Amino acid sequence: MIDKAWRVVASLTILNSFKKLGFPMPNLVDVYYLLMGILEDKVMQALDIKGVIPQYLDEEPYSTEKVSNLKLKYLSEPSRILQANFNSHEEIKLLLQGKVLNPSYKCIESGNLDAFVMWFDLHLDEMDKISTAPKKESDHGCWEQAIFFVLPQYLEGASSFCKIGDNIEAEFLCRGHFQLKKVKFSNSIPRNNFNQKLTMDPSLIYLLNSYVTGDVISLNLKDVSPVDNASILDISSFPILSLKFLKDSSNTVHVLKTQYQSEIEQLRDAHEISHERLIFKSYEDFCNNKMQCDFLIVDPVEMCGLLKKNLLEDVTVLRMQCLKDSGLVVPGEIEIHAVLVESATLKEHSKIVSDERVDGYKISQIMNAYKCQIHQDIQYSTLPHQNITNPFKLCSIDLNNKSESGTRSFFSNSLKTTEVEVITNGNVTAVIYWFTLKYHSNFLVNTSDPNGLWKQGAIVLDEEVQVSKGEKICLQYSLKNSCFQVGIINH
């Protein structure tokens, strides 16, 4: 963009005046990096399945996170690896053509090097600058930081563990955007080369690791129902349970065609599962063929913490069309849990809280008139907040309820109410909710687990509600067409 702007200016007769009197803003950018180890979500972007390793596509060379919301430790001091002068068109052109950067770091803390974090200092003039650096408090600052995960293909050694005093060399390519190309540790041990590589989208790596951290991967379908030669219909985003089932049996599984079909096929081939045993079909094929299956496997909750779109409708139709009378939906029950919280952070994310936040411009009233209620995806364990109530169960959904009333309830718009007790004085800012997935009596997955990869949903109230300890609050909630809504009434 800055290169295009320079070319436009160069074509105008005002160029000489611009050179004397004008300058771009920001006119100078400093780029900083440091090394970090992630204490939780350590499997966010790392995956190892029978010698298959993930690779970022060139279009997705990094992720972004608000680093202050992660549990981590810094393994090095910050250092500047690049200064870009936007006053120099020649320098901008060189960066666009490609510049290799070889920063080196000294490890100040022992640990596993999981990622490099990058941020910018944007110099507006000689005195003023804006920094996107991570803040100490998670509710300060609006910037996210770029995170370059250290994947196996970047390492020149067998391990990514570093000790205090170790030197770590990296190679970055700056060509339009930054790319991590290589990481080398002092005294690193050579590793055996992987003989098979699978290119994966980062969102898929995250999804697969959620099955591991949620312990879903350890589920045995025979514990759900001891059916011999079970037939399976799997409409999950990625049929990891079905692949595990095929690896340990000789049955056939029908799975839904998804955007990840190519990756599913490569994993199937890596585990030497015959093509005839893993059959891809569309949703329409399932309904038209009227299969008779023992299990219908679903993944009810999106990674962002929301209930999957059209989940209840799809389960109802496929259960009637494709499941035996004795067949089961897995998981069979979904519980919705919630808690009322006070949180300045959630409030600031939902509206302009005052005109002072925008240098006194009188725009908050106008902008807030157009705000709408949305479900924010948040990390409950790191969100700055105060609980106004204890966590409580709102309701449960029985996916195996075959009665007519049970089927109708999936599509009804009936409003239900419940009362909860306030445990401290304060203001209710939002309702935070999450799910417990029941696979069988002894196998539960909680999507609020701080060590898991799911986020949680937050519904921010239009106006905060002041409450006192011991007071009872009435909540009204509804679940229609897989859309969950909840709010406070009569207060």
Protein backbone atom coordinates (compact mmCIF):
# COMPACT_ATOMS: atom_id res chain seq x y z
CA MET A 1 0.00 0.00 0.00
CA ILE A 2 2.78 2.45 0.92
CA ASP A 3 4.58 1.56 -2.33
CA LYS A 4 1.42 2.34 -4.33
CA ALA A 5 1.04 5.66 -2.49
CA TRP A 6 4.63 6.60 -3.35
CA ARG A 7 4.05 5.77 -7.03
CA VAL A 8 0.94 7.96 -7.06
CA VAL A 9 2.80 10.87 -5.47
CA ALA A 10 5.72 10.43 -7.87
CA SER A 11 3.38 10.87 -10.83
CA LEU A 12 2.12 14.23 -9.56
CA THR A 13 3.68 17.69 -9.96
CA ILE A 14 3.56 18.16 -6.16
CA LEU A 15 6.39 15.65 -5.61
CA ASN A 16 9.05 18.30 -4.92
CA SER A 17 6.79 20.10 -2.46
CA PHE A 18 5.97 16.78 -0.78
CA LYS A 19 9.66 15.99 -0.39
CA LYS A 20 10.26 19.36 1.29
CA LEU A 21 7.16 19.71 3.46
CA GLY A 22 5.33 16.38 3.73
CA PHE A 23 5.96 12.89 5.01
CA PRO A 24 3.96 9.66 5.38
CA MET A 25 2.34 8.90 8.72
CA PRO A 26 3.58 6.76 10.32
CA ASN A 27 6.92 7.60 8.74
CA LEU A 28 9.03 5.02 10.56
CA VAL A 29 8.26 1.51 11.80
CA ASP A 30 10.32 -0.58 14.22
CA VAL A 31 9.68 -4.34 14.22
CA TYR A 32 10.33 -6.29 17.44
CA TYR A 33 10.42 -10.01 18.24
CA LEU A 34 10.90 -12.18 21.27
CA LEU A 35 10.76 -15.90 22.02
CA MET A 36 8.02 -17.44 24.13
CA GLY A 37 6.85 -20.74 25.52
CA ILE A 38 3.10 -21.25 25.83
CA LEU A 39 2.18 -22.85 29.15
CA GLU A 40 -1.34 -23.77 28.09
CA ASP A 41 -2.67 -24.70 24.65
CA LYS A 42 0.77 -26.12 23.90
CA VAL A 43 -0.81 -28.14 21.12
CA MET A 44 -2.40 -25.15 19.40
CA GLN A 45 -0.33 -25.58 16.25
CA ALA A 46 1.74 -28.73 16.80
CA LEU A 47 0.60 -32.11 15.56
CA ASP A 48 2.35 -35.44 15.06
CA ILE A 49 0.38 -38.31 13.58
CA LYS A 50 2.39 -41.28 12.33
CA GLY A 51 5.16 -39.17 10.81
CA VAL A 52 2.71 -36.70 9.33
CA ILE A 53 3.61 -33.12 10.22
CA PRO A 54 1.58 -29.97 9.60
CA GLN A 55 2.73 -27.10 7.44
CA TYR A 56 1.33 -23.61 7.13
CA LEU A 57 0.23 -22.54 3.72
CA ASP A 58 2.11 -19.50 2.43
CA GLU A 59 -1.11 -17.50 2.65
CA GLU A 60 -1.28 -18.16 6.41
CA PRO A 61 2.30 -17.63 7.66
CA TYR A 62 1.28 -16.58 11.17
CA SER A 63 -1.57 -16.33 13.64
CA THR A 64 -2.67 -13.41 15.82
CA GLU A 65 -3.42 -13.42 19.53
CA LYS A 66 -3.67 -10.95 22.36
CA VAL A 67 -0.52 -12.24 24.04
CA SER A 68 -1.54 -10.85 27.44
CA ASN A 69 -4.46 -13.32 27.42
CA LEU A 70 -2.16 -16.34 27.09
CA LYS A 71 -0.46 -18.22 29.89
CA LEU A 72 3.16 -18.08 28.75
CA LYS A 73 6.72 -17.30 29.69
CA TYR A 74 9.19 -15.20 27.74
CA LEU A 75 12.40 -17.02 26.82
CA SER A 76 14.35 -13.98 25.59
CA GLU A 77 14.49 -10.21 25.83
CA PRO A 78 12.72 -8.23 23.07
CA SER A 79 14.95 -7.12 20.23
CA ARG A 80 14.45 -5.01 17.13
CA ILE A 81 15.09 -6.90 13.92
CA LEU A 82 13.95 -4.34 11.34
CA GLN A 83 13.38 -0.62 10.93
CA ALA A 84 11.38 0.42 7.89
CA ASN A 85 11.61 4.04 6.72
CA PHE A 86 8.41 4.95 4.90
CA ASN A 87 10.06 8.19 3.73
CA SER A 88 12.28 6.13 1.44
CA HIS A 89 10.56 4.72 -1.63
CA GLU A 90 13.72 2.77 -2.49
CA GLU A 91 13.71 1.04 0.91
CA ILE A 92 10.04 0.12 0.54
CA LYS A 93 10.72 -1.42 -2.89
CA LEU A 94 13.61 -3.48 -1.48
CA LEU A 95 11.38 -4.86 1.29
CA LEU A 96 8.72 -5.82 -1.25
CA GLN A 97 11.32 -7.62 -3.38
CA GLY A 98 12.37 -9.63 -0.33
CA LYS A 99 14.82 -9.21 2.53
CA VAL A 100 16.24 -12.08 4.60
CA LEU A 101 16.61 -11.34 8.31
CA ASN A 102 18.82 -13.46 10.59
CA PRO A 103 18.21 -12.41 14.20
CA SER A 104 19.90 -14.26 17.06
CA TYR A 105 18.70 -14.50 20.64
CA LYS A 106 20.14 -15.54 23.99
CA CYS A 107 17.82 -17.69 26.07
CA ILE A 108 17.10 -16.13 29.51
CA GLU A 109 14.65 -18.82 30.69
CA SER A 110 14.69 -22.58 30.14
CA GLY A 111 11.70 -24.01 28.32
CA ASN A 112 10.22 -25.19 25.07
CA LEU A 113 10.33 -22.63 22.26
CA ASP A 114 6.75 -22.66 20.97
CA ALA A 115 6.57 -19.39 19.06
CA PHE A 116 8.02 -16.01 18.13
CA VAL A 117 5.82 -13.02 18.93
CA MET A 118 6.09 -9.87 16.81
CA TRP A 119 4.87 -6.29 17.29
CA PHE A 120 5.49 -2.81 15.90
CA ASP A 121 6.35 0.70 17.06
CA LEU A 122 4.74 3.14 14.65
CA HIS A 123 6.51 6.53 14.73
CA LEU A 124 4.12 9.35 13.84
CA ASP A 125 6.84 12.00 14.14
CA GLU A 126 10.07 12.53 16.08
CA MET A 127 8.23 12.66 19.41
CA ASP A 128 5.10 10.52 19.19
CA LYS A 129 4.66 6.83 18.51
CA ILE A 130 2.03 4.10 18.77
CA SER A 131 3.14 0.69 20.00
CA THR A 132 1.33 -2.61 19.41
CA ALA A 133 3.46 -4.33 22.08
CA PRO A 134 1.73 -6.73 24.48
CA LYS A 135 0.57 -5.09 27.70
CA LYS A 136 0.97 -6.48 31.19
CA GLU A 137 -2.77 -6.31 31.87
CA SER A 138 -5.04 -8.20 29.50
CA ASP A 139 -7.69 -5.46 29.52
CA HIS A 140 -5.28 -2.72 28.38
CA GLY A 141 -4.65 -2.03 24.72
CA CYS A 142 -6.63 -3.05 21.67
CA TRP A 143 -3.81 -4.57 19.58
CA GLU A 144 -3.22 -8.23 18.95
CA GLN A 145 0.29 -9.47 18.20
CA ALA A 146 1.54 -11.69 15.38
CA ILE A 147 2.55 -15.19 16.49
CA PHE A 148 4.86 -17.37 14.41
CA PHE A 149 4.60 -20.93 15.74
CA VAL A 150 7.78 -23.00 15.66
CA LEU A 151 6.63 -26.02 13.66
CA PRO A 152 8.79 -29.14 13.14
CA GLN A 153 9.71 -28.25 9.56
CA TYR A 154 11.39 -25.02 10.73
CA LEU A 155 13.75 -26.74 13.18
CA GLU A 156 17.30 -27.69 12.27
CA GLY A 157 17.48 -30.04 15.25
CA ALA A 158 15.55 -32.79 16.97
CA SER A 159 14.19 -30.63 19.81
CA SER A 160 12.82 -27.15 20.42
CA PHE A 161 13.86 -27.12 24.10
CA CYS A 162 16.32 -24.39 25.09
CA LYS A 163 18.33 -23.78 28.28
CA ILE A 164 19.44 -20.53 29.89
CA GLY A 165 22.41 -19.17 27.95
CA ASP A 166 21.64 -21.04 24.71
CA ASN A 167 21.96 -19.10 21.47
CA ILE A 168 19.04 -19.38 19.08
CA GLU A 169 19.32 -18.29 15.45
CA ALA A 170 16.28 -17.65 13.27
CA GLU A 171 15.69 -16.81 9.65
CA PHE A 172 12.79 -14.62 8.57
CA LEU A 173 11.85 -13.51 5.09
CA CYS A 174 10.23 -10.09 4.72
CA ARG A 175 8.58 -9.95 1.30
CA GLY A 176 5.22 -8.22 1.47
CA HIS A 177 4.75 -10.00 4.81
CA PHE A 178 6.94 -11.82 7.33
CA GLN A 179 7.58 -15.56 7.15
CA LEU A 180 9.48 -17.73 9.60
CA LYS A 181 11.80 -19.97 7.56
CA LYS A 182 14.31 -21.57 9.94
CA VAL A 183 15.20 -21.96 13.64
CA LYS A 184 18.58 -23.26 14.82
CA PHE A 185 19.66 -24.01 18.39
CA SER A 186 23.26 -24.03 19.59
CA ASN A 187 24.50 -27.62 20.05
CA SER A 188 21.32 -28.95 18.45
CA ILE A 189 21.11 -32.67 17.72
CA PRO A 190 20.28 -33.59 14.09
CA ARG A 191 16.87 -35.17 13.66
CA ASN A 192 15.61 -37.89 11.38
CA ASN A 193 13.76 -36.50 8.39
CA PHE A 194 10.04 -37.08 8.17
CA ASN A 195 9.22 -39.07 5.08
CA GLN A 196 5.70 -37.77 4.74
CA LYS A 197 4.32 -34.25 5.00
CA LEU A 198 0.73 -33.13 5.16
CA THR A 199 -0.11 -29.49 4.53
CA MET A 200 -2.80 -28.35 6.94
CA ASP A 201 -4.75 -25.19 7.51
CA PRO A 202 -4.04 -23.79 11.02
CA SER A 203 -7.75 -23.97 11.89
CA LEU A 204 -7.70 -27.73 11.20
CA ILE A 205 -4.62 -28.24 13.38
CA TYR A 206 -6.42 -26.37 16.15
CA LEU A 207 -9.54 -28.51 15.65
CA LEU A 208 -7.61 -31.79 15.74
CA ASN A 209 -5.82 -30.78 18.90
CA SER A 210 -9.15 -29.95 20.54
CA TYR A 211 -10.02 -33.66 20.26
CA VAL A 212 -6.81 -34.42 22.16
CA THR A 213 -7.11 -31.78 24.89
CA GLY A 214 -10.81 -32.57 25.32
CA ASP A 215 -9.85 -36.26 25.54
CA VAL A 216 -12.42 -37.08 22.84
CA ILE A 217 -9.76 -39.09 21.03
CA SER A 218 -9.70 -41.64 23.88
CA LEU A 219 -13.42 -42.43 23.59
CA ASN A 220 -14.24 -46.05 22.78
CA LEU A 221 -17.60 -46.45 21.02
CA LYS A 222 -18.07 -49.89 22.61
CA ASP A 223 -18.31 -48.08 25.95
CA VAL A 224 -21.25 -46.10 24.56
CA SER A 225 -23.03 -49.18 23.22
CA PRO A 226 -21.50 -52.68 22.83
CA VAL A 227 -22.62 -53.25 19.23
CA ASP A 228 -20.77 -55.80 17.11
CA ASN A 229 -19.93 -54.77 13.53
CA ALA A 230 -21.37 -51.31 14.19
CA SER A 231 -22.18 -49.07 11.23
CA ILE A 232 -21.33 -45.39 11.64
CA LEU A 233 -22.52 -42.13 10.13
CA ASP A 234 -20.20 -39.23 11.01
CA ILE A 235 -21.12 -35.60 10.28
CA SER A 236 -18.28 -34.08 12.33
CA SER A 237 -16.11 -31.38 10.79
CA PHE A 238 -13.26 -33.90 10.96
CA PRO A 239 -14.15 -37.58 11.66
CA ILE A 240 -11.33 -38.36 14.06
CA LEU A 241 -13.41 -40.90 16.04
CA SER A 242 -14.35 -42.71 12.84
CA LEU A 243 -10.73 -42.88 11.70
CA LYS A 244 -9.78 -44.34 15.07
CA PHE A 245 -12.68 -46.81 14.81
CA LEU A 246 -11.59 -47.92 11.31
CA LYS A 247 -8.01 -48.39 12.47
CA ASP A 248 -9.17 -50.85 15.15
CA SER A 249 -11.88 -52.69 13.19
CA SER A 250 -12.88 -53.89 9.72
CA ASN A 251 -16.13 -51.94 9.48
CA THR A 252 -17.28 -49.29 7.03
CA VAL A 253 -17.87 -45.66 7.96
CA HIS A 254 -19.86 -43.02 6.07
CA VAL A 255 -18.61 -39.47 6.62
CA LEU A 256 -19.87 -36.08 5.53
CA LYS A 257 -18.04 -34.36 2.68
CA THR A 258 -16.28 -31.33 4.17
CA GLN A 259 -13.57 -28.84 3.25
CA TYR A 260 -11.06 -31.21 4.86
CA GLN A 261 -11.71 -34.21 2.59
CA SER A 262 -8.19 -34.16 1.14
CA GLU A 263 -6.58 -34.22 4.61
CA ILE A 264 -8.94 -37.01 5.73
CA GLU A 265 -7.94 -39.09 2.70
CA GLN A 266 -4.24 -38.58 3.39
CA LEU A 267 -4.62 -39.66 7.02
CA ARG A 268 -6.64 -42.66 5.85
CA ASP A 269 -3.81 -43.64 3.49
CA ALA A 270 -1.15 -43.02 6.17
CA HIS A 271 -2.89 -45.57 8.39
CA GLU A 272 -3.43 -47.99 5.47
CA ILE A 273 -7.23 -47.95 5.66
CA SER A 274 -8.78 -49.16 2.41
CA HIS A 275 -10.74 -46.64 0.35
CA GLU A 276 -13.88 -48.81 0.39
CA ARG A 277 -14.16 -48.58 4.18
CA LEU A 278 -14.30 -44.77 4.36
CA ILE A 279 -17.10 -43.44 2.16
CA PHE A 280 -17.70 -39.72 1.60
CA LYS A 281 -21.28 -38.57 1.05
CA SER A 282 -23.21 -35.32 0.97
CA TYR A 283 -25.98 -34.46 3.41
CA GLU A 284 -28.52 -35.09 0.62
CA ASP A 285 -27.06 -38.56 -0.01
CA PHE A 286 -27.56 -39.49 3.62
CA CYS A 287 -31.20 -38.42 3.56
CA ASN A 288 -32.03 -40.02 0.20
CA ASN A 289 -30.33 -43.37 0.85
CA LYS A 290 -32.08 -43.90 4.20
CA MET A 291 -29.17 -45.77 5.74
CA GLN A 292 -29.60 -47.78 8.93
CA CYS A 293 -26.69 -46.96 11.23
CA ASP A 294 -25.84 -47.78 14.83
CA PHE A 295 -24.13 -44.49 15.59
CA LEU A 296 -24.53 -40.89 14.43
CA ILE A 297 -21.40 -38.96 15.48
CA VAL A 298 -21.54 -35.16 15.70
CA ASP A 299 -19.31 -32.37 17.04
CA PRO A 300 -21.91 -30.02 18.54
CA VAL A 301 -19.78 -27.01 19.53
CA GLU A 302 -17.70 -24.75 17.29
CA MET A 303 -14.19 -23.86 18.46
CA CYS A 304 -15.41 -20.27 19.01
CA GLY A 305 -17.71 -21.59 21.76
CA LEU A 306 -21.05 -21.40 19.94
CA LEU A 307 -23.47 -24.22 19.24
CA LYS A 308 -22.95 -25.45 15.67
CA LYS A 309 -25.33 -23.91 13.15
CA ASN A 310 -28.34 -26.13 12.28
CA LEU A 311 -27.04 -28.85 14.61
CA LEU A 312 -30.39 -29.77 16.16
CA GLU A 313 -32.20 -29.74 12.82
CA ASP A 314 -29.57 -31.95 11.17
CA VAL A 315 -29.57 -34.40 14.08
CA THR A 316 -33.38 -34.64 14.02
CA VAL A 317 -33.58 -35.34 10.28
CA LEU A 318 -30.65 -37.78 10.16
CA ARG A 319 -31.84 -39.59 13.26
CA MET A 320 -35.22 -40.24 11.63
CA GLN A 321 -33.79 -41.11 8.20
CA CYS A 322 -30.53 -42.91 8.96
CA LEU A 323 -30.48 -44.36 12.49
CA LYS A 324 -31.79 -47.73 13.59
CA ASP A 325 -34.40 -47.71 16.35
CA SER A 326 -31.63 -48.81 18.70
CA GLY A 327 -29.13 -46.34 17.21
CA LEU A 328 -27.51 -43.59 19.25
CA VAL A 329 -26.33 -40.04 18.68
CA VAL A 330 -22.81 -39.44 20.04
CA PRO A 331 -22.58 -37.39 22.21
CA GLY A 332 -26.09 -38.08 23.47
CA GLU A 333 -26.66 -35.06 25.70
CA ILE A 334 -25.62 -31.41 25.76
CA GLU A 335 -25.80 -29.37 28.96
CA ILE A 336 -25.71 -25.56 28.83
CA HIS A 337 -24.00 -23.91 31.80
CA ALA A 338 -23.70 -20.19 32.55
CA VAL A 339 -22.46 -17.58 35.01
CA LEU A 340 -23.25 -13.87 35.45
CA VAL A 341 -20.18 -11.62 35.52
CA GLU A 342 -19.10 -8.02 35.85
CA SER A 343 -16.41 -7.18 33.29
CA ALA A 344 -15.20 -3.79 32.08
CA THR A 345 -13.40 -5.57 29.24
CA LEU A 346 -16.60 -7.09 27.81
CA LYS A 347 -18.36 -3.74 28.18
CA GLU A 348 -15.59 -1.97 26.25
CA HIS A 349 -15.74 -4.59 23.50
CA SER A 350 -19.48 -4.08 22.96
CA LYS A 351 -19.83 -0.30 22.73
CA ILE A 352 -18.08 3.08 23.01
CA VAL A 353 -18.13 3.59 26.77
CA SER A 354 -17.40 7.35 26.69
CA ASP A 355 -16.46 10.15 24.32
CA GLU A 356 -13.18 10.58 26.23
CA ARG A 357 -12.02 7.29 24.68
CA VAL A 358 -12.16 8.95 21.23
CA ASP A 359 -10.43 12.24 22.12
CA GLY A 360 -13.66 13.95 23.12
CA TYR A 361 -15.44 13.56 19.78
CA LYS A 362 -19.19 13.40 20.44
CA ILE A 363 -19.86 10.12 18.65
CA SER A 364 -20.66 7.56 21.37
CA GLN A 365 -24.41 8.25 21.33
CA ILE A 366 -24.60 7.93 17.54
CA MET A 367 -22.38 4.84 17.29
CA ASN A 368 -24.02 3.02 20.19
CA ALA A 369 -27.45 3.54 18.63
CA TYR A 370 -26.39 1.08 15.91
CA LYS A 371 -24.89 -1.58 18.16
CA CYS A 372 -26.52 -4.99 18.17
CA GLN A 373 -26.34 -7.87 20.60
CA ILE A 374 -23.77 -10.43 19.50
CA HIS A 375 -22.25 -13.51 21.08
CA GLN A 376 -18.63 -12.65 21.82
CA ASP A 377 -16.20 -15.55 21.90
CA ILE A 378 -14.01 -15.15 24.98
CA GLN A 379 -11.50 -17.05 27.09
CA TYR A 380 -13.26 -17.22 30.45
CA SER A 381 -10.17 -18.37 32.35
CA THR A 382 -8.14 -15.26 31.37
CA LEU A 383 -10.92 -12.66 31.03
CA PRO A 384 -10.66 -9.87 33.66
CA HIS A 385 -13.97 -10.21 35.51
CA GLN A 386 -15.78 -10.75 38.80
CA ASN A 387 -18.33 -13.53 39.17
CA ILE A 388 -21.71 -12.15 40.29
CA THR A 389 -23.16 -15.67 40.67
CA ASN A 390 -21.78 -19.15 40.98
CA PRO A 391 -21.76 -21.16 37.73
CA PHE A 392 -25.11 -22.92 37.19
CA LYS A 393 -26.76 -25.32 34.74
CA LEU A 394 -29.38 -23.66 32.55
CA CYS A 395 -30.75 -26.65 30.66
CA SER A 396 -29.89 -29.91 28.91
CA ILE A 397 -30.64 -31.19 25.41
CA ASP A 398 -31.21 -34.92 24.94
CA LEU A 399 -30.15 -35.71 21.36
CA ASN A 400 -31.45 -39.28 21.74
CA ASN A 401 -34.96 -38.25 22.81
CA LYS A 402 -37.05 -40.01 20.16
CA SER A 403 -40.45 -38.91 21.50
CA GLU A 404 -42.55 -36.55 19.42
CA SER A 405 -42.36 -33.88 22.12
CA GLY A 406 -38.58 -34.24 22.23
CA THR A 407 -38.30 -33.74 18.48
CA ARG A 408 -40.63 -30.73 18.56
CA SER A 409 -38.59 -29.09 21.32
CA PHE A 410 -35.62 -28.73 18.95
CA PHE A 411 -37.67 -26.40 16.77
CA SER A 412 -39.87 -24.65 19.33
CA ASN A 413 -39.45 -21.04 20.35
CA SER A 414 -40.71 -21.48 23.90
CA LEU A 415 -39.17 -19.17 26.49
CA LYS A 416 -38.06 -20.68 29.78
CA THR A 417 -37.03 -19.00 33.01
CA THR A 418 -34.80 -19.81 35.95
CA GLU A 419 -33.66 -18.01 39.10
CA VAL A 420 -30.09 -17.64 40.35
CA GLU A 421 -28.74 -16.13 43.55
CA VAL A 422 -26.27 -13.24 43.60
CA ILE A 423 -23.11 -13.95 45.63
CA THR A 424 -21.64 -10.41 45.76
CA ASN A 425 -22.62 -6.78 45.26
CA GLY A 426 -21.90 -5.46 41.78
CA ASN A 427 -23.16 -4.88 38.26
CA VAL A 428 -24.08 -7.66 35.84
CA THR A 429 -22.34 -6.91 32.54
CA ALA A 430 -22.81 -10.20 30.70
CA VAL A 431 -23.90 -13.81 30.74
CA ILE A 432 -21.05 -16.21 29.93
CA TYR A 433 -22.05 -19.71 28.84
CA TRP A 434 -20.46 -23.00 27.79
CA PHE A 435 -21.37 -26.63 27.20
CA THR A 436 -20.83 -30.04 28.76
CA LEU A 437 -20.98 -32.86 26.20
CA LYS A 438 -22.06 -36.24 27.61
CA TYR A 439 -20.78 -39.19 25.56
CA HIS A 440 -21.77 -41.72 28.22
CA SER A 441 -22.15 -41.73 32.00
CA ASN A 442 -18.41 -41.69 32.70
CA PHE A 443 -17.21 -39.64 29.73
CA LEU A 444 -17.84 -35.89 29.74
CA VAL A 445 -16.21 -33.02 27.82
CA ASN A 446 -16.43 -29.54 29.34
CA THR A 447 -15.89 -26.70 26.85
CA SER A 448 -14.95 -24.30 29.69
CA ASP A 449 -11.88 -26.34 30.66
CA PRO A 450 -8.97 -23.83 30.97
CA ASN A 451 -6.64 -26.45 29.46
CA GLY A 452 -8.94 -27.03 26.49
CA LEU A 453 -8.98 -25.19 23.19
CA TRP A 454 -12.64 -24.17 23.07
CA LYS A 455 -13.62 -20.60 23.77
CA GLN A 456 -16.81 -19.65 25.59
CA GLY A 457 -19.76 -17.49 24.56
CA ALA A 458 -20.61 -14.15 26.18
CA ILE A 459 -23.86 -12.23 25.76
CA VAL A 460 -23.33 -8.61 26.86
CA LEU A 461 -26.42 -6.90 28.30
CA ASP A 462 -27.60 -3.64 26.71
CA GLU A 463 -27.26 -1.95 30.10
CA GLU A 464 -25.53 -3.20 33.23
CA VAL A 465 -27.84 -4.39 36.03
CA GLN A 466 -26.96 -3.39 39.60
CA VAL A 467 -27.47 -6.23 42.10
CA SER A 468 -26.90 -6.98 45.79
CA LYS A 469 -25.63 -10.07 47.56
CA GLY A 470 -28.40 -12.58 48.33
CA GLU A 471 -30.72 -11.17 45.68
CA LYS A 472 -32.48 -13.53 43.24
CA ILE A 473 -32.23 -12.76 39.52
CA CYS A 474 -34.68 -14.16 36.98
CA LEU A 475 -33.18 -15.26 33.65
CA GLN A 476 -35.13 -15.97 30.49
CA TYR A 477 -33.62 -18.19 27.80
CA SER A 478 -34.59 -19.85 24.56
CA LEU A 479 -33.10 -22.31 22.10
CA LYS A 480 -34.55 -22.25 18.60
CA ASN A 481 -32.95 -23.57 15.42
CA SER A 482 -29.70 -24.10 17.35
CA CYS A 483 -29.62 -20.40 18.30
CA PHE A 484 -29.25 -19.86 22.05
CA GLN A 485 -30.42 -16.61 23.69
CA VAL A 486 -30.46 -15.60 27.36
CA GLY A 487 -31.16 -12.38 29.26
CA ILE A 488 -32.34 -10.88 32.56
CA ILE A 489 -36.04 -10.07 33.03
CA ASN A 490 -38.14 -8.25 35.64
CA HIS A 491 -35.26 -6.39 37.22
